[in-house]
Amino acid sequence: SSAGVGGEGWPLVNSIPSEEVCAFAQHPDNEKYPVPNVMHYCQRYAVDKYFWGKRKTPHDIFTCDHPLLVDVPSDLGSGNYLRVYPNSKPNAKPREIDAKREKQDAFMLCGLTAATNDAMIHFKDRHCGDAGGGERGRTY
């Protein structure tokens, strides 16, 4: 849900060390840090030039020709990216965000990007030729 909203799992995300939040979101381990098992992505999430919006996701991602999503930096959420570009336009003037918001949005961005790419790879392995072909570049 929306980063910072009360009554949600954000305190659990906030307890993950900042330098680990992205890698952890990509491969959660409830033995290490307990987090909710469901990601409800009803909002837009943005840190620096990285953005996730459910209405902005291409409708053709599950095709052999569509590239994978660009991996986000592994240190996203560490406090090194305290800005966001409005509407994910890198030539726009960035808006500052605080470290807590960066961490929470980074958790969602890292988890959603990894899960989407995993699903796309699963599709490509099963439907894009004998050797699991299909476009594997990360350009979107």
C-alpha atoms as a PDB file:
ATOM      1  CA  SER A   1       0.000   0.000   0.000  1.00  0.00           C
ATOM      2  CA  SER A   2       1.031   3.607   0.234  1.00  0.00           C
ATOM      3  CA  ALA A   3       4.405   4.087   1.899  1.00  0.00           C
ATOM      4  CA  GLY A   4       4.070   5.573   5.349  1.00  0.00           C
ATOM      5  CA  VAL A   5       0.389   4.737   5.887  1.00  0.00           C
ATOM      6  CA  GLY A   6      -0.425   3.431   9.360  1.00  0.00           C
ATOM      7  CA  GLY A   7      -1.914   0.014  10.060  1.00  0.00           C
ATOM      8  CA  GLU A   8       0.277  -1.663   7.470  1.00  0.00           C
ATOM      9  CA  GLY A   9       3.538  -3.642   7.489  1.00  0.00           C
ATOM     10  CA  TRP A  10       5.812  -0.627   7.092  1.00  0.00           C
ATOM     11  CA  PRO A  11       7.309  -0.897  10.609  1.00  0.00           C
ATOM     12  CA  LEU A  12       8.599  -4.345   9.590  1.00  0.00           C
ATOM     13  CA  VAL A  13      10.187  -2.890   6.446  1.00  0.00           C
ATOM     14  CA  ASN A  14      11.631  -0.019   8.476  1.00  0.00           C
ATOM     15  CA  SER A  15      13.415  -2.510  10.749  1.00  0.00           C
ATOM     16  CA  ILE A  16      15.444  -3.978   7.846  1.00  0.00           C
ATOM     17  CA  PRO A  17      18.894  -2.355   7.676  1.00  0.00           C
ATOM     18  CA  SER A  18      18.861   0.248   4.901  1.00  0.00           C
ATOM     19  CA  GLU A  19      21.817  -1.268   3.063  1.00  0.00           C
ATOM     20  CA  GLU A  20      19.988  -4.636   2.893  1.00  0.00           C
ATOM     21  CA  VAL A  21      16.456  -3.541   2.018  1.00  0.00           C
ATOM     22  CA  CYS A  22      16.661  -3.989  -1.772  1.00  0.00           C
ATOM     23  CA  ALA A  23      18.372  -7.389  -1.763  1.00  0.00           C
ATOM     24  CA  PHE A  24      16.034  -8.574   0.966  1.00  0.00           C
ATOM     25  CA  ALA A  25      12.919  -7.435  -0.945  1.00  0.00           C
ATOM     26  CA  GLN A  26      14.154  -9.383  -3.981  1.00  0.00           C
ATOM     27  CA  HIS A  27      14.536 -12.590  -1.938  1.00  0.00           C
ATOM     28  CA  PRO A  28      12.583 -12.265   1.338  1.00  0.00           C
ATOM     29  CA  ASP A  29      13.451 -14.564   4.230  1.00  0.00           C
ATOM     30  CA  ASN A  30      11.033 -14.347   7.156  1.00  0.00           C
ATOM     31  CA  GLU A  31      13.547 -16.157   9.352  1.00  0.00           C
ATOM     32  CA  LYS A  32      15.918 -13.200   8.968  1.00  0.00           C
ATOM     33  CA  TYR A  33      13.411 -10.318   8.988  1.00  0.00           C
ATOM     34  CA  PRO A  34       9.673 -10.903   9.267  1.00  0.00           C
ATOM     35  CA  VAL A  35       7.710  -9.023   6.602  1.00  0.00           C
ATOM     36  CA  PRO A  36       4.182  -9.324   5.252  1.00  0.00           C
ATOM     37  CA  ASN A  37       3.686 -12.152   2.764  1.00  0.00           C
ATOM     38  CA  VAL A  38       1.590 -10.034   0.406  1.00  0.00           C
ATOM     39  CA  MET A  39       2.581  -6.901  -1.475  1.00  0.00           C
ATOM     40  CA  HIS A  40      -0.476  -4.793  -2.236  1.00  0.00           C
ATOM     41  CA  TYR A  41       0.755  -2.433  -4.904  1.00  0.00           C
ATOM     42  CA  CYS A  42      -2.126  -0.019  -5.180  1.00  0.00           C
ATOM     43  CA  GLN A  43       0.119   3.051  -5.329  1.00  0.00           C
ATOM     44  CA  ARG A  44       2.971   4.356  -7.430  1.00  0.00           C
ATOM     45  CA  TYR A  45       6.468   3.800  -6.075  1.00  0.00           C
ATOM     46  CA  ALA A  46       9.431   5.916  -7.138  1.00  0.00           C
ATOM     47  CA  VAL A  47      13.012   6.458  -6.048  1.00  0.00           C
ATOM     48  CA  ASP A  48      15.415   8.445  -8.189  1.00  0.00           C
ATOM     49  CA  LYS A  49      14.676   7.464 -11.829  1.00  0.00           C
ATOM     50  CA  TYR A  50      13.145   4.095 -10.877  1.00  0.00           C
ATOM     51  CA  PHE A  51       9.371   3.893 -10.946  1.00  0.00           C
ATOM     52  CA  TRP A  52       6.603   1.326 -10.604  1.00  0.00           C
ATOM     53  CA  GLY A  53       3.001   2.038 -11.424  1.00  0.00           C
ATOM     54  CA  LYS A  54       0.490  -0.720 -12.064  1.00  0.00           C
ATOM     55  CA  ARG A  55      -1.181   1.326 -14.772  1.00  0.00           C
ATOM     56  CA  LYS A  56       2.178   1.990 -16.426  1.00  0.00           C
ATOM     57  CA  THR A  57       3.140  -1.675 -16.732  1.00  0.00           C
ATOM     58  CA  PRO A  58       3.192  -2.686 -20.411  1.00  0.00           C
ATOM     59  CA  HIS A  59       0.394  -5.031 -21.405  1.00  0.00           C
ATOM     60  CA  ASP A  60       2.706  -7.150 -23.550  1.00  0.00           C
ATOM     61  CA  ILE A  61       5.352  -8.129 -20.986  1.00  0.00           C
ATOM     62  CA  PHE A  62       4.517 -11.809 -21.334  1.00  0.00           C
ATOM     63  CA  THR A  63       5.763 -12.143 -24.900  1.00  0.00           C
ATOM     64  CA  CYS A  64       8.973 -13.566 -26.286  1.00  0.00           C
ATOM     65  CA  ASP A  65      10.031 -10.192 -27.683  1.00  0.00           C
ATOM     66  CA  HIS A  66       9.526  -7.973 -24.637  1.00  0.00           C
ATOM     67  CA  PRO A  67      12.726  -7.188 -22.711  1.00  0.00           C
ATOM     68  CA  LEU A  68      13.006  -7.734 -18.981  1.00  0.00           C
ATOM     69  CA  LEU A  69      12.634  -4.794 -16.647  1.00  0.00           C
ATOM     70  CA  VAL A  70      15.851  -2.953 -15.801  1.00  0.00           C
ATOM     71  CA  ASP A  71      17.285  -4.106 -12.476  1.00  0.00           C
ATOM     72  CA  VAL A  72      17.241  -1.430  -9.808  1.00  0.00           C
ATOM     73  CA  PRO A  73      20.541  -0.671  -8.030  1.00  0.00           C
ATOM     74  CA  SER A  74      21.252  -3.041  -5.157  1.00  0.00           C
ATOM     75  CA  ASP A  75      21.750  -0.099  -2.800  1.00  0.00           C
ATOM     76  CA  LEU A  76      18.346   1.457  -3.521  1.00  0.00           C
ATOM     77  CA  GLY A  77      16.857   2.264  -0.118  1.00  0.00           C
ATOM     78  CA  SER A  78      20.257   2.866   1.503  1.00  0.00           C
ATOM     79  CA  GLY A  79      19.874   6.627   1.779  1.00  0.00           C
ATOM     80  CA  ASN A  80      21.900   7.322  -1.367  1.00  0.00           C
ATOM     81  CA  TYR A  81      18.860   8.186  -3.534  1.00  0.00           C
ATOM     82  CA  LEU A  82      16.935  10.851  -1.635  1.00  0.00           C
ATOM     83  CA  ARG A  83      15.146  12.173  -4.693  1.00  0.00           C
ATOM     84  CA  VAL A  84      12.447  11.253  -7.140  1.00  0.00           C
ATOM     85  CA  TYR A  85      11.866  12.497 -10.663  1.00  0.00           C
ATOM     86  CA  PRO A  86       8.219  13.490 -11.188  1.00  0.00           C
ATOM     87  CA  ASN A  87       6.404  11.055 -13.468  1.00  0.00           C
ATOM     88  CA  SER A  88       9.689   9.144 -13.856  1.00  0.00           C
ATOM     89  CA  LYS A  89      11.083  11.775 -16.233  1.00  0.00           C
ATOM     90  CA  PRO A  90      14.856  11.977 -15.653  1.00  0.00           C
ATOM     91  CA  ASN A  91      15.091  15.420 -17.272  1.00  0.00           C
ATOM     92  CA  ALA A  92      12.521  16.900 -14.856  1.00  0.00           C
ATOM     93  CA  LYS A  93      13.618  18.708 -11.716  1.00  0.00           C
ATOM     94  CA  PRO A  94      13.936  16.090  -8.935  1.00  0.00           C
ATOM     95  CA  ARG A  95      11.930  16.331  -5.729  1.00  0.00           C
ATOM     96  CA  GLU A  96      13.612  15.435  -2.442  1.00  0.00           C
ATOM     97  CA  ILE A  97      12.301  12.566  -0.348  1.00  0.00           C
ATOM     98  CA  ASP A  98      13.341  11.471   3.129  1.00  0.00           C
ATOM     99  CA  ALA A  99      15.286   8.310   3.923  1.00  0.00           C
ATOM    100  CA  LYS A 100      12.231   6.527   5.329  1.00  0.00           C
ATOM    101  CA  ARG A 101      10.218   7.098   2.151  1.00  0.00           C
ATOM    102  CA  GLU A 102      13.197   6.046   0.015  1.00  0.00           C
ATOM    103  CA  LYS A 103      13.504   2.810   1.993  1.00  0.00           C
ATOM    104  CA  GLN A 104       9.806   1.964   1.803  1.00  0.00           C
ATOM    105  CA  ASP A 105       9.449   2.741  -1.897  1.00  0.00           C
ATOM    106  CA  ALA A 106      12.740   0.919  -2.612  1.00  0.00           C
ATOM    107  CA  PHE A 107      11.397  -2.183  -0.840  1.00  0.00           C
ATOM    108  CA  MET A 108       8.396  -2.186  -3.162  1.00  0.00           C
ATOM    109  CA  LEU A 109      10.396  -1.332  -6.305  1.00  0.00           C
ATOM    110  CA  CYS A 110      13.000  -4.022  -5.663  1.00  0.00           C
ATOM    111  CA  GLY A 111      10.435  -6.685  -4.794  1.00  0.00           C
ATOM    112  CA  LEU A 112       8.075  -5.905  -7.675  1.00  0.00           C
ATOM    113  CA  THR A 113      10.847  -5.649 -10.270  1.00  0.00           C
ATOM    114  CA  ALA A 114      12.391  -8.952  -9.200  1.00  0.00           C
ATOM    115  CA  ALA A 115       9.034 -10.750  -9.085  1.00  0.00           C
ATOM    116  CA  THR A 116       8.000  -9.408 -12.498  1.00  0.00           C
ATOM    117  CA  ASN A 117      11.315 -10.383 -14.086  1.00  0.00           C
ATOM    118  CA  ASP A 118      11.085 -13.844 -12.504  1.00  0.00           C
ATOM    119  CA  ALA A 119       7.597 -14.272 -13.978  1.00  0.00           C
ATOM    120  CA  MET A 120       8.769 -13.052 -17.396  1.00  0.00           C
ATOM    121  CA  ILE A 121      11.711 -15.485 -17.343  1.00  0.00           C
ATOM    122  CA  HIS A 122       9.353 -18.299 -16.344  1.00  0.00           C
ATOM    123  CA  PHE A 123       7.151 -17.457 -19.328  1.00  0.00           C
ATOM    124  CA  LYS A 124      10.108 -17.186 -21.731  1.00  0.00           C
ATOM    125  CA  ASP A 125      11.592 -20.493 -20.544  1.00  0.00           C
ATOM    126  CA  ARG A 126       8.344 -22.294 -21.308  1.00  0.00           C
ATOM    127  CA  HIS A 127       7.057 -20.534 -24.419  1.00  0.00           C
ATOM    128  CA  CYS A 128       9.949 -19.031 -26.385  1.00  0.00           C
ATOM    129  CA  GLY A 129      11.709 -21.863 -28.151  1.00  0.00           C
ATOM    130  CA  ASP A 130      13.430 -25.074 -27.150  1.00  0.00           C
ATOM    131  CA  ALA A 131      16.227 -23.382 -25.230  1.00  0.00           C
ATOM    132  CA  GLY A 132      13.951 -20.969 -23.364  1.00  0.00           C
ATOM    133  CA  GLY A 133      14.719 -18.174 -25.783  1.00  0.00           C
ATOM    134  CA  GLY A 134      13.133 -14.825 -25.966  1.00  0.00           C
ATOM    135  CA  GLU A 135      14.439 -11.349 -25.339  1.00  0.00           C
ATOM    136  CA  ARG A 136      16.535 -11.217 -22.141  1.00  0.00           C
ATOM    137  CA  GLY A 137      17.888  -7.692 -22.465  1.00  0.00           C
ATOM    138  CA  ARG A 138      16.971  -5.285 -19.709  1.00  0.00           C
ATOM    139  CA  THR A 139      15.931  -2.206 -21.537  1.00  0.00           C
ATOM    140  CA  TYR A 140      12.447  -1.371 -20.360  1.00  0.00           C
END
